[in-house]
N, C-alpha and C. Protein backbone atom coordinates (compact mmCIF):
# COMPACT_ATOMS: atom_id res chain seq x y z
N GLU A 1 124.91 77.12 123.31
CA GLU A 1 125.49 78.31 124.31
C GLU A 1 124.80 79.56 123.81
N PRO A 2 124.52 80.25 125.08
CA PRO A 2 124.16 81.46 124.99
C PRO A 2 125.01 82.61 124.29
N GLY A 3 124.42 83.57 123.43
CA GLY A 3 124.95 84.50 122.72
C GLY A 3 125.93 85.43 123.88
N LYS A 4 126.49 85.90 122.92
CA LYS A 4 127.45 86.92 123.59
C LYS A 4 127.90 88.10 122.90
N GLY A 5 126.84 88.55 122.63
CA GLY A 5 126.29 90.04 121.85
C GLY A 5 125.73 91.07 123.22
N PRO A 6 125.56 92.18 122.97
CA PRO A 6 125.47 93.37 123.93
C PRO A 6 124.34 93.12 124.60
N ARG A 7 124.20 93.34 125.57
CA ARG A 7 122.88 93.12 126.35
C ARG A 7 122.15 94.67 126.33
N VAL A 8 121.11 95.03 125.79
CA VAL A 8 120.34 96.40 125.96
C VAL A 8 119.68 96.29 127.56
N ASN A 9 119.26 95.40 127.63
CA ASN A 9 118.43 95.11 129.26
C ASN A 9 118.44 93.95 129.25
N ARG A 10 117.70 93.17 130.34
CA ARG A 10 117.71 92.11 130.68
C ARG A 10 116.94 91.10 130.16
N ASN A 11 116.27 91.73 128.81
CA ASN A 11 115.21 90.70 128.34
C ASN A 11 115.64 90.65 126.53
N VAL A 12 116.73 91.08 126.31
CA VAL A 12 116.99 91.34 124.74
C VAL A 12 118.25 91.45 124.72
N ASN A 13 118.76 90.15 123.53
CA ASN A 13 120.05 90.29 123.55
C ASN A 13 120.16 89.78 121.94
N ILE A 14 121.34 90.40 121.35
CA ILE A 14 121.64 89.90 120.09
C ILE A 14 122.64 89.22 119.50
N GLU A 15 122.81 88.23 118.98
CA GLU A 15 123.33 87.07 118.75
C GLU A 15 124.63 87.66 117.62
N THR A 16 125.93 87.52 117.93
CA THR A 16 126.99 87.85 117.05
C THR A 16 128.05 86.99 116.61
N GLY A 17 127.29 85.76 116.49
CA GLY A 17 127.81 84.55 116.39
C GLY A 17 128.20 84.37 114.65
N GLN A 18 128.32 83.16 114.40
CA GLN A 18 128.87 82.53 113.11
C GLN A 18 127.63 82.86 112.05
N VAL A 19 126.42 82.74 112.47
CA VAL A 19 125.28 82.48 111.44
C VAL A 19 125.23 83.97 110.91
N PRO A 20 125.28 83.93 109.50
CA PRO A 20 124.76 85.32 108.79
C PRO A 20 123.40 86.02 109.31
N GLN A 21 122.62 85.17 109.65
CA GLN A 21 121.06 85.59 109.78
C GLN A 21 121.09 86.66 111.43
N GLY A 22 120.66 87.59 111.57
CA GLY A 22 120.65 88.05 113.06
C GLY A 22 119.83 87.39 113.83
N GLN A 23 119.94 86.97 115.21
CA GLN A 23 119.38 86.47 116.16
C GLN A 23 118.87 87.40 117.23
N LEU A 24 117.58 87.23 117.66
CA LEU A 24 116.94 87.95 119.00
C LEU A 24 116.34 87.31 119.56
N TYR A 25 116.82 87.22 121.01
CA TYR A 25 115.78 86.66 121.99
C TYR A 25 115.35 87.35 123.00
N ASN A 26 114.28 87.07 123.80
CA ASN A 26 113.98 87.47 124.86
C ASN A 26 114.01 86.85 126.13
N LEU A 27 115.27 87.14 126.57
CA LEU A 27 115.81 86.49 127.97
C LEU A 27 115.01 86.13 129.03
N ALA A 28 113.90 86.80 129.16
CA ALA A 28 113.19 86.58 130.13
C ALA A 28 112.12 85.39 130.29
N ASN A 29 111.72 85.35 128.89
CA ASN A 29 110.94 84.10 128.79
C ASN A 29 112.21 82.95 127.99
N ASP A 30 113.01 83.13 127.50
CA ASP A 30 113.84 82.01 126.53
C ASP A 30 115.21 81.99 127.06
N LEU A 31 115.59 81.89 128.37
CA LEU A 31 117.31 81.91 128.58
C LEU A 31 117.87 80.96 127.41
N GLY A 32 117.28 79.75 127.24
CA GLY A 32 118.17 79.01 126.52
C GLY A 32 118.33 79.16 125.26
N GLU A 33 117.83 80.43 124.73
CA GLU A 33 117.67 81.02 123.63
C GLU A 33 117.54 79.82 122.32
N GLN A 34 116.31 79.43 122.28
CA GLN A 34 115.74 78.59 121.26
C GLN A 34 114.58 79.21 120.56
N ASN A 35 114.19 80.28 120.69
CA ASN A 35 113.46 80.82 119.97
C ASN A 35 113.68 82.17 119.28
N ASN A 36 114.28 82.17 118.35
CA ASN A 36 114.62 83.45 117.41
C ASN A 36 113.84 84.04 117.20
N LEU A 37 113.72 85.73 117.82
CA LEU A 37 112.31 86.40 117.48
C LEU A 37 112.85 87.45 116.52
N SER A 38 113.68 87.23 115.57
CA SER A 38 114.33 88.10 114.60
C SER A 38 113.17 88.55 113.56
N ALA A 39 112.48 87.69 112.94
CA ALA A 39 111.82 87.79 112.08
C ALA A 39 110.34 88.25 112.48
N GLU A 40 110.09 88.49 113.66
CA GLU A 40 108.85 88.90 114.29
C GLU A 40 109.17 90.24 114.68
N HIS A 41 110.43 90.56 115.03
CA HIS A 41 110.78 91.89 115.42
C HIS A 41 111.95 92.51 114.57
N PRO A 42 111.74 92.65 113.30
CA PRO A 42 113.16 93.40 112.94
C PRO A 42 113.25 94.53 112.98
N GLU A 43 112.36 95.72 113.17
CA GLU A 43 112.74 96.64 113.80
C GLU A 43 113.83 96.64 115.09
N LYS A 44 113.57 96.04 115.87
CA LYS A 44 114.55 95.80 117.30
C LYS A 44 115.89 95.29 116.70
N LEU A 45 115.82 94.11 115.84
CA LEU A 45 117.23 93.70 115.37
C LEU A 45 117.75 94.67 114.50
N ALA A 46 117.58 95.47 113.75
CA ALA A 46 117.81 96.72 112.90
C ALA A 46 118.38 97.33 113.97
N GLU A 47 117.88 98.07 114.72
CA GLU A 47 118.57 98.96 116.05
C GLU A 47 119.34 98.62 116.43
N LEU A 48 119.76 97.22 117.23
CA LEU A 48 120.52 96.61 117.86
C LEU A 48 121.59 96.01 117.03
N SER A 49 121.61 95.84 115.78
CA SER A 49 122.70 95.91 114.61
C SER A 49 123.33 97.27 114.52
N ALA A 50 122.48 98.46 114.35
CA ALA A 50 123.29 99.51 114.38
C ALA A 50 123.84 100.01 115.33
N MET A 51 123.54 99.52 116.92
CA MET A 51 124.47 99.89 117.75
C MET A 51 125.37 98.91 118.01
N LEU A 52 125.51 97.73 117.51
CA LEU A 52 126.65 96.87 117.28
C LEU A 52 127.76 97.43 116.53
N LYS A 53 127.11 98.01 115.31
CA LYS A 53 128.24 98.50 114.46
C LYS A 53 128.94 99.79 114.87
N GLN A 54 128.31 100.39 115.49
CA GLN A 54 128.59 101.66 116.08
C GLN A 54 129.88 101.52 117.09
N ILE A 55 129.65 100.16 118.05
CA ILE A 55 130.60 99.75 119.03
C ILE A 55 131.89 99.41 118.37
N ARG A 56 131.73 98.48 117.27
CA ARG A 56 132.73 97.91 116.42
C ARG A 56 133.83 98.91 115.94
N GLN A 57 132.88 100.14 115.24
CA GLN A 57 133.69 101.13 114.86
C GLN A 57 134.06 102.02 115.41
N ALA A 58 133.78 101.74 116.65
CA ALA A 58 134.78 102.84 117.95
C ALA A 58 135.92 102.04 118.48
N GLY A 59 135.96 100.43 117.81
CA GLY A 59 137.11 99.58 118.53
C GLY A 59 136.80 99.18 119.71
N ARG A 60 135.47 99.18 120.38
CA ARG A 60 134.93 98.54 121.44
C ARG A 60 134.56 97.35 121.33
N SER A 61 134.73 96.26 122.28
CA SER A 61 133.67 95.11 122.06
C SER A 61 132.50 94.96 122.92
N ARG A 62 132.64 95.70 123.70
CA ARG A 62 131.59 95.95 124.52
C ARG A 62 131.03 97.14 124.84
N PRO A 63 129.72 97.55 125.40
CA PRO A 63 128.97 99.07 125.26
C PRO A 63 129.61 99.50 126.39
């Protein structure tokens, strides 16, 4: 099932599901979210994780 995290643009999505490790996908090339890019792009994962934390602290579930 595709992730339900905040979409920053049409290509990148951060997974916020039940897995403790972050998940990052290029949706332009991987709509089925089969190739987790979090290990290859830890800086993008950190950026999106920080954004998600701010959204949650503001009491919002969507940007």
